[in-house]
Amino acid sequence: MFRGEVWQMSVDTLREAAESDSRKVVIVSSDAMGVLPLKVVVPLTPWKEDYASALWMVRIPPVLHSGLESPMAADALQVRSVSTARLTKRLGELPDAHVAQITAAVSIVLEEKAQLFEV
């Protein structure tokens, strides 16, 4: 499991997921972070034009070898760390440029959040 890969993630931590009980995610954690069986992921959701003005939503086209069949939105506001056991099926991988856009959106989300807690 490597940075930039697109996976099906089980939304149910207690049982093997059916297709309807899963969602697509992209791994954004560093490949060097391999001590624990965890990965930082950003969920993917079908793209809607309404998302174009949201800085945390990154449009991901269905590029070659991505495993995506239609445009998706990487929702950086929902970044999370998950057990690798929940990543059930590798679908493909994204080009580095798309992964960079997603991690930039995560950075925006974290920076905005940090500003909320300044004293």
PDB file of N, CA and C in Angstrom:
ATOM      1  N   MET A   1       0.851  -1.183   0.000  1.00  0.00           N
ATOM      2  CA  MET A   1       0.000   0.000   0.000  1.00  0.00           C
ATOM      3  C   MET A   1       0.888   1.234   0.000  1.00  0.00           C
ATOM      4  N   PHE A   2       0.712   2.048  -1.025  1.00  0.00           N
ATOM      5  CA  PHE A   2       1.607   3.178  -1.194  1.00  0.00           C
ATOM      6  C   PHE A   2       0.845   4.476  -1.447  1.00  0.00           C
ATOM      7  N   ARG A   3       1.539   5.587  -1.177  1.00  0.00           N
ATOM      8  CA  ARG A   3       1.002   6.920  -1.409  1.00  0.00           C
ATOM      9  C   ARG A   3       0.531   7.033  -2.862  1.00  0.00           C
ATOM     10  N   GLY A   4      -0.660   7.581  -3.046  1.00  0.00           N
ATOM     11  CA  GLY A   4      -1.203   7.780  -4.375  1.00  0.00           C
ATOM     12  C   GLY A   4      -2.086   6.651  -4.876  1.00  0.00           C
ATOM     13  N   GLU A   5      -2.108   5.545  -4.165  1.00  0.00           N
ATOM     14  CA  GLU A   5      -2.964   4.437  -4.593  1.00  0.00           C
ATOM     15  C   GLU A   5      -4.422   4.701  -4.224  1.00  0.00           C
ATOM     16  N   VAL A   6      -5.323   4.231  -5.083  1.00  0.00           N
ATOM     17  CA  VAL A   6      -6.763   4.325  -4.857  1.00  0.00           C
ATOM     18  C   VAL A   6      -7.230   2.950  -4.381  1.00  0.00           C
ATOM     19  N   TRP A   7      -7.962   2.938  -3.258  1.00  0.00           N
ATOM     20  CA  TRP A   7      -8.433   1.688  -2.656  1.00  0.00           C
ATOM     21  C   TRP A   7      -9.915   1.772  -2.335  1.00  0.00           C
ATOM     22  N   GLN A   8     -10.560   0.608  -2.281  1.00  0.00           N
ATOM     23  CA  GLN A   8     -11.884   0.481  -1.668  1.00  0.00           C
ATOM     24  C   GLN A   8     -11.632   0.355  -0.182  1.00  0.00           C
ATOM     25  N   MET A   9     -12.365   1.111   0.627  1.00  0.00           N
ATOM     26  CA  MET A   9     -12.228   1.049   2.076  1.00  0.00           C
ATOM     27  C   MET A   9     -13.550   0.600   2.680  1.00  0.00           C
ATOM     28  N   SER A  10     -13.480  -0.386   3.528  1.00  0.00           N
ATOM     29  CA  SER A  10     -14.668  -0.845   4.241  1.00  0.00           C
ATOM     30  C   SER A  10     -15.099   0.232   5.222  1.00  0.00           C
ATOM     31  N   VAL A  11     -16.386   0.559   5.233  1.00  0.00           N
ATOM     32  CA  VAL A  11     -16.886   1.522   6.216  1.00  0.00           C
ATOM     33  C   VAL A  11     -17.312   0.826   7.494  1.00  0.00           C
ATOM     34  N   ASP A  12     -17.356  -0.498   7.462  1.00  0.00           N
ATOM     35  CA  ASP A  12     -17.707  -1.300   8.632  1.00  0.00           C
ATOM     36  C   ASP A  12     -16.436  -1.957   9.142  1.00  0.00           C
ATOM     37  N   THR A  13     -16.017  -1.616  10.344  1.00  0.00           N
ATOM     38  CA  THR A  13     -14.763  -2.139  10.883  1.00  0.00           C
ATOM     39  C   THR A  13     -14.899  -3.557  11.418  1.00  0.00           C
ATOM     40  N   LEU A  14     -16.130  -4.088  11.544  1.00  0.00           N
ATOM     41  CA  LEU A  14     -16.323  -5.379  12.185  1.00  0.00           C
ATOM     42  C   LEU A  14     -16.507  -6.547  11.228  1.00  0.00           C
ATOM     43  N   ARG A  15     -16.792  -6.269   9.960  1.00  0.00           N
ATOM     44  CA  ARG A  15     -17.013  -7.378   9.033  1.00  0.00           C
ATOM     45  C   ARG A  15     -16.504  -7.012   7.652  1.00  0.00           C
ATOM     46  N   GLU A  16     -16.311  -8.019   6.839  1.00  0.00           N
ATOM     47  CA  GLU A  16     -15.883  -7.763   5.471  1.00  0.00           C
ATOM     48  C   GLU A  16     -16.973  -6.997   4.738  1.00  0.00           C
ATOM     49  N   ALA A  17     -16.593  -5.994   4.010  1.00  0.00           N
ATOM     50  CA  ALA A  17     -17.575  -5.095   3.390  1.00  0.00           C
ATOM     51  C   ALA A  17     -18.087  -5.619   2.068  1.00  0.00           C
ATOM     52  N   ALA A  18     -19.344  -5.383   1.844  1.00  0.00           N
ATOM     53  CA  ALA A  18     -19.917  -5.546   0.507  1.00  0.00           C
ATOM     54  C   ALA A  18     -19.610  -4.268  -0.254  1.00  0.00           C
ATOM     55  N   GLU A  19     -19.810  -4.262  -1.560  1.00  0.00           N
ATOM     56  CA  GLU A  19     -19.512  -3.060  -2.358  1.00  0.00           C
ATOM     57  C   GLU A  19     -20.267  -1.848  -1.840  1.00  0.00           C
ATOM     58  N   SER A  20     -21.506  -2.031  -1.384  1.00  0.00           N
ATOM     59  CA  SER A  20     -22.303  -0.908  -0.905  1.00  0.00           C
ATOM     60  C   SER A  20     -21.833  -0.410   0.470  1.00  0.00           C
ATOM     61  N   ASP A  21     -21.042  -1.210   1.147  1.00  0.00           N
ATOM     62  CA  ASP A  21     -20.533  -0.837   2.471  1.00  0.00           C
ATOM     63  C   ASP A  21     -19.100  -0.327   2.387  1.00  0.00           C
ATOM     64  N   SER A  22     -18.727   0.220   1.247  1.00  0.00           N
ATOM     65  CA  SER A  22     -17.359   0.692   1.082  1.00  0.00           C
ATOM     66  C   SER A  22     -17.345   2.000   0.310  1.00  0.00           C
ATOM     67  N   ARG A  23     -16.210   2.650   0.358  1.00  0.00           N
ATOM     68  CA  ARG A  23     -16.034   3.866  -0.429  1.00  0.00           C
ATOM     69  C   ARG A  23     -14.612   3.923  -0.925  1.00  0.00           C
ATOM     70  N   LYS A  24     -14.420   4.684  -1.975  1.00  0.00           N
ATOM     71  CA  LYS A  24     -13.092   4.835  -2.552  1.00  0.00           C
ATOM     72  C   LYS A  24     -12.313   5.877  -1.750  1.00  0.00           C
ATOM     73  N   VAL A  25     -11.018   5.600  -1.562  1.00  0.00           N
ATOM     74  CA  VAL A  25     -10.124   6.535  -0.882  1.00  0.00           C
ATOM     75  C   VAL A  25      -8.794   6.551  -1.623  1.00  0.00           C
ATOM     76  N   VAL A  26      -8.040   7.622  -1.414  1.00  0.00           N
ATOM     77  CA  VAL A  26      -6.680   7.693  -1.941  1.00  0.00           C
ATOM     78  C   VAL A  26      -5.737   7.818  -0.744  1.00  0.00           C
ATOM     79  N   ILE A  27      -4.658   7.047  -0.766  1.00  0.00           N
ATOM     80  CA  ILE A  27      -3.663   7.086   0.313  1.00  0.00           C
ATOM     81  C   ILE A  27      -2.799   8.328   0.120  1.00  0.00           C
ATOM     82  N   VAL A  28      -2.661   9.130   1.193  1.00  0.00           N
ATOM     83  CA  VAL A  28      -1.833  10.334   1.115  1.00  0.00           C
ATOM     84  C   VAL A  28      -0.670  10.306   2.106  1.00  0.00           C
ATOM     85  N   SER A  29      -0.632   9.314   2.979  1.00  0.00           N
ATOM     86  CA  SER A  29       0.463   9.247   3.951  1.00  0.00           C
ATOM     87  C   SER A  29       1.777   8.879   3.254  1.00  0.00           C
ATOM     88  N   SER A  30       2.855   9.281   3.879  1.00  0.00           N
ATOM     89  CA  SER A  30       4.183   9.013   3.355  1.00  0.00           C
ATOM     90  C   SER A  30       4.463   7.512   3.377  1.00  0.00           C
ATOM     91  N   ASP A  31       5.132   7.028   2.345  1.00  0.00           N
ATOM     92  CA  ASP A  31       5.521   5.624   2.312  1.00  0.00           C
ATOM     93  C   ASP A  31       6.519   5.290   3.421  1.00  0.00           C
ATOM     94  N   ALA A  32       7.207   6.300   3.948  1.00  0.00           N
ATOM     95  CA  ALA A  32       8.181   6.082   5.018  1.00  0.00           C
ATOM     96  C   ALA A  32       7.510   5.805   6.362  1.00  0.00           C
ATOM     97  N   MET A  33       6.213   6.099   6.465  1.00  0.00           N
ATOM     98  CA  MET A  33       5.478   5.894   7.713  1.00  0.00           C
ATOM     99  C   MET A  33       4.923   4.475   7.730  1.00  0.00           C
ATOM    100  N   GLY A  34       5.758   3.494   7.981  1.00  0.00           N
ATOM    101  CA  GLY A  34       5.328   2.117   7.861  1.00  0.00           C
ATOM    102  C   GLY A  34       5.381   1.305   9.134  1.00  0.00           C
ATOM    103  N   VAL A  35       5.525   1.927  10.287  1.00  0.00           N
ATOM    104  CA  VAL A  35       5.668   1.190  11.530  1.00  0.00           C
ATOM    105  C   VAL A  35       4.349   0.550  11.976  1.00  0.00           C
ATOM    106  N   LEU A  36       3.279   1.304  11.937  1.00  0.00           N
ATOM    107  CA  LEU A  36       1.966   0.801  12.338  1.00  0.00           C
ATOM    108  C   LEU A  36       1.129   0.454  11.115  1.00  0.00           C
ATOM    109  N   PRO A  37       0.166  -0.462  11.264  1.00  0.00           N
ATOM    110  CA  PRO A  37      -0.692  -0.818  10.126  1.00  0.00           C
ATOM    111  C   PRO A  37      -1.793   0.219   9.906  1.00  0.00           C
ATOM    112  N   LEU A  38      -1.386   1.465   9.671  1.00  0.00           N
ATOM    113  CA  LEU A  38      -2.303   2.584   9.454  1.00  0.00           C
ATOM    114  C   LEU A  38      -1.889   3.343   8.206  1.00  0.00           C
ATOM    115  N   LYS A  39      -2.869   3.929   7.534  1.00  0.00           N
ATOM    116  CA  LYS A  39      -2.612   4.813   6.401  1.00  0.00           C
ATOM    117  C   LYS A  39      -3.497   6.041   6.555  1.00  0.00           C
ATOM    118  N   VAL A  40      -2.976   7.198   6.148  1.00  0.00           N
ATOM    119  CA  VAL A  40      -3.780   8.406   6.101  1.00  0.00           C
ATOM    120  C   VAL A  40      -4.412   8.452   4.713  1.00  0.00           C
ATOM    121  N   VAL A  41      -5.741   8.589   4.688  1.00  0.00           N
ATOM    122  CA  VAL A  41      -6.475   8.550   3.428  1.00  0.00           C
ATOM    123  C   VAL A  41      -7.394   9.759   3.298  1.00  0.00           C
ATOM    124  N   VAL A  42      -7.728  10.060   2.062  1.00  0.00           N
ATOM    125  CA  VAL A  42      -8.728  11.084   1.748  1.00  0.00           C
ATOM    126  C   VAL A  42      -9.828  10.378   0.958  1.00  0.00           C
ATOM    127  N   PRO A  43     -11.075  10.467   1.429  1.00  0.00           N
ATOM    128  CA  PRO A  43     -12.184   9.829   0.717  1.00  0.00           C
ATOM    129  C   PRO A  43     -12.470  10.489  -0.634  1.00  0.00           C
ATOM    130  N   LEU A  44     -12.974   9.681  -1.550  1.00  0.00           N
ATOM    131  CA  LEU A  44     -13.395  10.150  -2.861  1.00  0.00           C
ATOM    132  C   LEU A  44     -14.911  10.036  -2.953  1.00  0.00           C
ATOM    133  N   THR A  45     -15.511  11.022  -3.581  1.00  0.00           N
ATOM    134  CA  THR A  45     -16.958  11.049  -3.776  1.00  0.00           C
ATOM    135  C   THR A  45     -17.233  11.505  -5.205  1.00  0.00           C
ATOM    136  N   PRO A  46     -18.349  11.119  -5.788  1.00  0.00           N
ATOM    137  CA  PRO A  46     -18.624  11.572  -7.163  1.00  0.00           C
ATOM    138  C   PRO A  46     -18.584  13.105  -7.272  1.00  0.00           C
ATOM    139  N   TRP A  47     -17.955  13.587  -8.329  1.00  0.00           N
ATOM    140  CA  TRP A  47     -17.788  15.026  -8.550  1.00  0.00           C
ATOM    141  C   TRP A  47     -19.115  15.697  -8.874  1.00  0.00           C
ATOM    142  N   LYS A  48     -19.326  16.859  -8.264  1.00  0.00           N
ATOM    143  CA  LYS A  48     -20.457  17.732  -8.594  1.00  0.00           C
ATOM    144  C   LYS A  48     -19.880  19.121  -8.841  1.00  0.00           C
ATOM    145  N   GLU A  49     -20.415  19.823  -9.805  1.00  0.00           N
ATOM    146  CA  GLU A  49     -19.899  21.159 -10.130  1.00  0.00           C
ATOM    147  C   GLU A  49     -19.997  22.115  -8.941  1.00  0.00           C
ATOM    148  N   ASP A  50     -20.916  21.861  -8.023  1.00  0.00           N
ATOM    149  CA  ASP A  50     -21.032  22.691  -6.813  1.00  0.00           C
ATOM    150  C   ASP A  50     -19.740  22.686  -5.991  1.00  0.00           C
ATOM    151  N   TYR A  51     -18.920  21.634  -6.155  1.00  0.00           N
ATOM    152  CA  TYR A  51     -17.682  21.514  -5.379  1.00  0.00           C
ATOM    153  C   TYR A  51     -16.570  22.421  -5.904  1.00  0.00           C
ATOM    154  N   ALA A  52     -16.718  22.966  -7.080  1.00  0.00           N
ATOM    155  CA  ALA A  52     -15.633  23.719  -7.725  1.00  0.00           C
ATOM    156  C   ALA A  52     -15.149  24.901  -6.892  1.00  0.00           C
ATOM    157  N   SER A  53     -16.007  25.492  -6.097  1.00  0.00           N
ATOM    158  CA  SER A  53     -15.601  26.658  -5.302  1.00  0.00           C
ATOM    159  C   SER A  53     -15.062  26.285  -3.922  1.00  0.00           C
ATOM    160  N   ALA A  54     -15.095  25.015  -3.562  1.00  0.00           N
ATOM    161  CA  ALA A  54     -14.607  24.569  -2.247  1.00  0.00           C
ATOM    162  C   ALA A  54     -13.120  24.232  -2.338  1.00  0.00           C
ATOM    163  N   LEU A  55     -12.296  24.934  -1.569  1.00  0.00           N
ATOM    164  CA  LEU A  55     -10.847  24.736  -1.619  1.00  0.00           C
ATOM    165  C   LEU A  55     -10.416  23.339  -1.191  1.00  0.00           C
ATOM    166  N   TRP A  56     -11.224  22.676  -0.386  1.00  0.00           N
ATOM    167  CA  TRP A  56     -10.861  21.354   0.140  1.00  0.00           C
ATOM    168  C   TRP A  56     -11.308  20.203  -0.766  1.00  0.00           C
ATOM    169  N   MET A  57     -12.029  20.512  -1.842  1.00  0.00           N
ATOM    170  CA  MET A  57     -12.483  19.490  -2.781  1.00  0.00           C
ATOM    171  C   MET A  57     -11.620  19.556  -4.041  1.00  0.00           C
ATOM    172  N   VAL A  58     -10.970  18.453  -4.361  1.00  0.00           N
ATOM    173  CA  VAL A  58     -10.074  18.400  -5.516  1.00  0.00           C
ATOM    174  C   VAL A  58     -10.691  17.482  -6.563  1.00  0.00           C
ATOM    175  N   ARG A  59     -10.899  18.026  -7.761  1.00  0.00           N
ATOM    176  CA  ARG A  59     -11.471  17.222  -8.853  1.00  0.00           C
ATOM    177  C   ARG A  59     -10.412  16.259  -9.373  1.00  0.00           C
ATOM    178  N   ILE A  60     -10.777  14.980  -9.413  1.00  0.00           N
ATOM    179  CA  ILE A  60      -9.883  13.939  -9.908  1.00  0.00           C
ATOM    180  C   ILE A  60     -10.537  13.295 -11.126  1.00  0.00           C
ATOM    181  N   PRO A  61      -9.960  13.488 -12.305  1.00  0.00           N
ATOM    182  CA  PRO A  61     -10.538  12.874 -13.502  1.00  0.00           C
ATOM    183  C   PRO A  61     -10.214  11.376 -13.529  1.00  0.00           C
ATOM    184  N   PRO A  62     -10.955  10.612 -14.329  1.00  0.00           N
ATOM    185  CA  PRO A  62     -10.692   9.173 -14.428  1.00  0.00           C
ATOM    186  C   PRO A  62      -9.477   8.885 -15.312  1.00  0.00           C
ATOM    187  N   VAL A  63      -8.300   9.153 -14.778  1.00  0.00           N
ATOM    188  CA  VAL A  63      -7.063   8.984 -15.541  1.00  0.00           C
ATOM    189  C   VAL A  63      -6.699   7.503 -15.669  1.00  0.00           C
ATOM    190  N   LEU A  64      -5.861   7.203 -16.637  1.00  0.00           N
ATOM    191  CA  LEU A  64      -5.398   5.850 -16.903  1.00  0.00           C
ATOM    192  C   LEU A  64      -4.772   5.235 -15.655  1.00  0.00           C
ATOM    193  N   HIS A  65      -5.094   4.020 -15.349  1.00  0.00           N
ATOM    194  CA  HIS A  65      -4.562   3.230 -14.232  1.00  0.00           C
ATOM    195  C   HIS A  65      -5.048   3.695 -12.863  1.00  0.00           C
ATOM    196  N   SER A  66      -6.037   4.591 -12.812  1.00  0.00           N
ATOM    197  CA  SER A  66      -6.534   5.064 -11.515  1.00  0.00           C
ATOM    198  C   SER A  66      -7.603   4.144 -10.943  1.00  0.00           C
ATOM    199  N   GLY A  67      -8.268   3.387 -11.805  1.00  0.00           N
ATOM    200  CA  GLY A  67      -9.380   2.564 -11.357  1.00  0.00           C
ATOM    201  C   GLY A  67     -10.673   3.352 -11.233  1.00  0.00           C
ATOM    202  N   LEU A  68     -10.638   4.610 -11.615  1.00  0.00           N
ATOM    203  CA  LEU A  68     -11.820   5.460 -11.535  1.00  0.00           C
ATOM    204  C   LEU A  68     -12.512   5.482 -12.898  1.00  0.00           C
ATOM    205  N   GLU A  69     -13.833   5.398 -12.877  1.00  0.00           N
ATOM    206  CA  GLU A  69     -14.596   5.366 -14.126  1.00  0.00           C
ATOM    207  C   GLU A  69     -15.255   6.697 -14.457  1.00  0.00           C
ATOM    208  N   SER A  70     -15.287   7.604 -13.486  1.00  0.00           N
ATOM    209  CA  SER A  70     -15.897   8.918 -13.693  1.00  0.00           C
ATOM    210  C   SER A  70     -15.161   9.925 -12.809  1.00  0.00           C
ATOM    211  N   PRO A  71     -15.345  11.224 -13.064  1.00  0.00           N
ATOM    212  CA  PRO A  71     -14.681  12.224 -12.223  1.00  0.00           C
ATOM    213  C   PRO A  71     -15.111  12.084 -10.760  1.00  0.00           C
ATOM    214  N   MET A  72     -14.144  12.234  -9.880  1.00  0.00           N
ATOM    215  CA  MET A  72     -14.387  12.128  -8.446  1.00  0.00           C
ATOM    216  C   MET A  72     -13.859  13.393  -7.767  1.00  0.00           C
ATOM    217  N   ALA A  73     -14.308  13.601  -6.529  1.00  0.00           N
ATOM    218  CA  ALA A  73     -13.807  14.697  -5.707  1.00  0.00           C
ATOM    219  C   ALA A  73     -13.088  14.094  -4.516  1.00  0.00           C
ATOM    220  N   ALA A  74     -11.851  14.510  -4.310  1.00  0.00           N
ATOM    221  CA  ALA A  74     -11.112  14.131  -3.104  1.00  0.00           C
ATOM    222  C   ALA A  74     -11.498  15.153  -2.039  1.00  0.00           C
ATOM    223  N   ASP A  75     -12.142  14.688  -0.984  1.00  0.00           N
ATOM    224  CA  ASP A  75     -12.665  15.569   0.066  1.00  0.00           C
ATOM    225  C   ASP A  75     -11.654  15.682   1.200  1.00  0.00           C
ATOM    226  N   ALA A  76     -10.753  16.655   1.099  1.00  0.00           N
ATOM    227  CA  ALA A  76      -9.667  16.820   2.066  1.00  0.00           C
ATOM    228  C   ALA A  76     -10.158  17.151   3.467  1.00  0.00           C
ATOM    229  N   LEU A  77     -11.378  17.637   3.583  1.00  0.00           N
ATOM    230  CA  LEU A  77     -11.932  17.935   4.905  1.00  0.00           C
ATOM    231  C   LEU A  77     -12.199  16.650   5.689  1.00  0.00           C
ATOM    232  N   GLN A  78     -12.285  15.514   4.992  1.00  0.00           N
ATOM    233  CA  GLN A  78     -12.542  14.241   5.648  1.00  0.00           C
ATOM    234  C   GLN A  78     -11.293  13.366   5.772  1.00  0.00           C
ATOM    235  N   VAL A  79     -10.113  13.970   5.702  1.00  0.00           N
ATOM    236  CA  VAL A  79      -8.871  13.217   5.849  1.00  0.00           C
ATOM    237  C   VAL A  79      -8.908  12.440   7.164  1.00  0.00           C
ATOM    238  N   ARG A  80      -8.405  11.204   7.125  1.00  0.00           N
ATOM    239  CA  ARG A  80      -8.419  10.377   8.338  1.00  0.00           C
ATOM    240  C   ARG A  80      -7.348   9.300   8.267  1.00  0.00           C
ATOM    241  N   SER A  81      -7.042   8.767   9.412  1.00  0.00           N
ATOM    242  CA  SER A  81      -6.126   7.649   9.519  1.00  0.00           C
ATOM    243  C   SER A  81      -6.960   6.395   9.722  1.00  0.00           C
ATOM    244  N   VAL A  82      -6.676   5.345   8.926  1.00  0.00           N
ATOM    245  CA  VAL A  82      -7.455   4.110   9.016  1.00  0.00           C
ATOM    246  C   VAL A  82      -6.529   2.905   9.068  1.00  0.00           C
ATOM    247  N   SER A  83      -7.035   1.830   9.634  1.00  0.00           N
ATOM    248  CA  SER A  83      -6.318   0.572   9.657  1.00  0.00           C
ATOM    249  C   SER A  83      -6.192   0.041   8.237  1.00  0.00           C
ATOM    250  N   THR A  84      -5.038  -0.522   7.918  1.00  0.00           N
ATOM    251  CA  THR A  84      -4.855  -1.109   6.598  1.00  0.00           C
ATOM    252  C   THR A  84      -5.793  -2.299   6.385  1.00  0.00           C
ATOM    253  N   ALA A  85      -6.303  -2.882   7.451  1.00  0.00           N
ATOM    254  CA  ALA A  85      -7.260  -3.993   7.327  1.00  0.00           C
ATOM    255  C   ALA A  85      -8.565  -3.533   6.687  1.00  0.00           C
ATOM    256  N   ARG A  86      -8.865  -2.236   6.772  1.00  0.00           N
ATOM    257  CA  ARG A  86     -10.096  -1.702   6.179  1.00  0.00           C
ATOM    258  C   ARG A  86      -9.946  -1.420   4.687  1.00  0.00           C
ATOM    259  N   LEU A  87      -8.718  -1.438   4.184  1.00  0.00           N
ATOM    260  CA  LEU A  87      -8.474  -1.218   2.760  1.00  0.00           C
ATOM    261  C   LEU A  87      -8.575  -2.581   2.081  1.00  0.00           C
ATOM    262  N   THR A  88      -9.685  -2.786   1.372  1.00  0.00           N
ATOM    263  CA  THR A  88     -10.039  -4.130   0.939  1.00  0.00           C
ATOM    264  C   THR A  88      -9.639  -4.482  -0.485  1.00  0.00           C
ATOM    265  N   LYS A  89      -9.532  -3.487  -1.372  1.00  0.00           N
ATOM    266  CA  LYS A  89      -9.212  -3.796  -2.765  1.00  0.00           C
ATOM    267  C   LYS A  89      -8.499  -2.615  -3.411  1.00  0.00           C
ATOM    268  N   ARG A  90      -7.329  -2.871  -3.972  1.00  0.00           N
ATOM    269  CA  ARG A  90      -6.593  -1.832  -4.698  1.00  0.00           C
ATOM    270  C   ARG A  90      -7.248  -1.646  -6.062  1.00  0.00           C
ATOM    271  N   LEU A  91      -7.579  -0.390  -6.367  1.00  0.00           N
ATOM    272  CA  LEU A  91      -8.230  -0.087  -7.642  1.00  0.00           C
ATOM    273  C   LEU A  91      -7.255   0.446  -8.673  1.00  0.00           C
ATOM    274  N   GLY A  92      -6.236   1.163  -8.219  1.00  0.00           N
ATOM    275  CA  GLY A  92      -5.277   1.759  -9.143  1.00  0.00           C
ATOM    276  C   GLY A  92      -4.428   2.783  -8.430  1.00  0.00           C
ATOM    277  N   GLU A  93      -3.901   3.722  -9.201  1.00  0.00           N
ATOM    278  CA  GLU A  93      -3.076   4.775  -8.609  1.00  0.00           C
ATOM    279  C   GLU A  93      -3.238   6.072  -9.390  1.00  0.00           C
ATOM    280  N   LEU A  94      -3.012   7.170  -8.682  1.00  0.00           N
ATOM    281  CA  LEU A  94      -3.120   8.499  -9.281  1.00  0.00           C
ATOM    282  C   LEU A  94      -1.735   9.024  -9.639  1.00  0.00           C
ATOM    283  N   PRO A  95      -1.656   9.859 -10.669  1.00  0.00           N
ATOM    284  CA  PRO A  95      -0.388  10.523 -10.980  1.00  0.00           C
ATOM    285  C   PRO A  95       0.039  11.435  -9.828  1.00  0.00           C
ATOM    286  N   ASP A  96       1.346  11.637  -9.707  1.00  0.00           N
ATOM    287  CA  ASP A  96       1.894  12.466  -8.634  1.00  0.00           C
ATOM    288  C   ASP A  96       1.268  13.854  -8.589  1.00  0.00           C
ATOM    289  N   ALA A  97       0.957  14.426  -9.745  1.00  0.00           N
ATOM    290  CA  ALA A  97       0.389  15.783  -9.781  1.00  0.00           C
ATOM    291  C   ALA A  97      -0.965  15.830  -9.068  1.00  0.00           C
ATOM    292  N   HIS A  98      -1.777  14.805  -9.231  1.00  0.00           N
ATOM    293  CA  HIS A  98      -3.077  14.766  -8.551  1.00  0.00           C
ATOM    294  C   HIS A  98      -2.905  14.554  -7.048  1.00  0.00           C
ATOM    295  N   VAL A  99      -1.961  13.710  -6.676  1.00  0.00           N
ATOM    296  CA  VAL A  99      -1.691  13.482  -5.251  1.00  0.00           C
ATOM    297  C   VAL A  99      -1.198  14.783  -4.613  1.00  0.00           C
ATOM    298  N   ALA A 100      -0.376  15.528  -5.314  1.00  0.00           N
ATOM    299  CA  ALA A 100       0.113  16.816  -4.810  1.00  0.00           C
ATOM    300  C   ALA A 100      -1.036  17.800  -4.609  1.00  0.00           C
ATOM    301  N   GLN A 101      -2.013  17.811  -5.516  1.00  0.00           N
ATOM    302  CA  GLN A 101      -3.177  18.689  -5.354  1.00  0.00           C
ATOM    303  C   GLN A 101      -3.984  18.289  -4.111  1.00  0.00           C
ATOM    304  N   ILE A 102      -4.129  16.996  -3.893  1.00  0.00           N
ATOM    305  CA  ILE A 102      -4.892  16.526  -2.729  1.00  0.00           C
ATOM    306  C   ILE A 102      -4.165  16.892  -1.442  1.00  0.00           C
ATOM    307  N   THR A 103      -2.860  16.665  -1.388  1.00  0.00           N
ATOM    308  CA  THR A 103      -2.132  16.988  -0.155  1.00  0.00           C
ATOM    309  C   THR A 103      -2.084  18.501   0.077  1.00  0.00           C
ATOM    310  N   ALA A 104      -2.092  19.297  -0.989  1.00  0.00           N
ATOM    311  CA  ALA A 104      -2.168  20.754  -0.828  1.00  0.00           C
ATOM    312  C   ALA A 104      -3.511  21.145  -0.218  1.00  0.00           C
ATOM    313  N   ALA A 105      -4.583  20.474  -0.639  1.00  0.00           N
ATOM    314  CA  ALA A 105      -5.905  20.747  -0.063  1.00  0.00           C
ATOM    315  C   ALA A 105      -5.949  20.339   1.410  1.00  0.00           C
ATOM    316  N   VAL A 106      -5.322  19.213   1.752  1.00  0.00           N
ATOM    317  CA  VAL A 106      -5.245  18.799   3.163  1.00  0.00           C
ATOM    318  C   VAL A 106      -4.485  19.849   3.957  1.00  0.00           C
ATOM    319  N   SER A 107      -3.417  20.360   3.388  1.00  0.00           N
ATOM    320  CA  SER A 107      -2.636  21.407   4.050  1.00  0.00           C
ATOM    321  C   SER A 107      -3.473  22.652   4.314  1.00  0.00           C
ATOM    322  N   ILE A 108      -4.306  23.027   3.343  1.00  0.00           N
ATOM    323  CA  ILE A 108      -5.207  24.179   3.522  1.00  0.00           C
ATOM    324  C   ILE A 108      -6.167  23.914   4.675  1.00  0.00           C
ATOM    325  N   VAL A 109      -6.729  22.706   4.703  1.00  0.00           N
ATOM    326  CA  VAL A 109      -7.667  22.347   5.773  1.00  0.00           C
ATOM    327  C   VAL A 109      -6.985  22.436   7.138  1.00  0.00           C
ATOM    328  N   LEU A 110      -5.786  21.912   7.252  1.00  0.00           N
ATOM    329  CA  LEU A 110      -5.084  21.917   8.543  1.00  0.00           C
ATOM    330  C   LEU A 110      -4.660  23.322   8.946  1.00  0.00           C
ATOM    331  N   GLU A 111      -4.256  24.122   7.982  1.00  0.00           N
ATOM    332  CA  GLU A 111      -3.858  25.503   8.275  1.00  0.00           C
ATOM    333  C   GLU A 111      -5.059  26.309   8.744  1.00  0.00           C
ATOM    334  N   GLU A 112      -6.186  26.170   8.064  1.00  0.00           N
ATOM    335  CA  GLU A 112      -7.394  26.888   8.473  1.00  0.00           C
ATOM    336  C   GLU A 112      -7.815  26.478   9.872  1.00  0.00           C
ATOM    337  N   LYS A 113      -7.738  25.208  10.164  1.00  0.00           N
ATOM    338  CA  LYS A 113      -8.115  24.715  11.483  1.00  0.00           C
ATOM    339  C   LYS A 113      -7.168  25.275  12.542  1.00  0.00           C
ATOM    340  N   ALA A 114      -5.874  25.316  12.236  1.00  0.00           N
ATOM    341  CA  ALA A 114      -4.883  25.831  13.177  1.00  0.00           C
ATOM    342  C   ALA A 114      -5.197  27.296  13.527  1.00  0.00           C
ATOM    343  N   GLN A 115      -5.637  28.063  12.550  1.00  0.00           N
ATOM    344  CA  GLN A 115      -5.940  29.471  12.801  1.00  0.00           C
ATOM    345  C   GLN A 115      -7.129  29.642  13.738  1.00  0.00           C
ATOM    346  N   LEU A 116      -8.046  28.693  13.749  1.00  0.00           N
ATOM    347  CA  LEU A 116      -9.204  28.772  14.632  1.00  0.00           C
ATOM    348  C   LEU A 116      -8.818  28.686  16.105  1.00  0.00           C
ATOM    349  N   PHE A 117      -7.687  28.013  16.384  1.00  0.00           N
ATOM    350  CA  PHE A 117      -7.301  27.778  17.759  1.00  0.00           C
ATOM    351  C   PHE A 117      -6.166  28.673  18.244  1.00  0.00           C
ATOM    352  N   GLU A 118      -5.794  29.669  17.462  1.00  0.00           N
ATOM    353  CA  GLU A 118      -4.745  30.592  17.898  1.00  0.00           C
ATOM    354  C   GLU A 118      -5.206  31.372  19.103  1.00  0.00           C
ATOM    355  N   VAL A 119      -4.291  31.605  20.026  1.00  0.00           N
ATOM    356  CA  VAL A 119      -4.612  32.344  21.237  1.00  0.00           C
ATOM    357  C   VAL A 119      -4.107  33.768  21.134  1.00  0.00           C
TER     358      VAL A 119
END
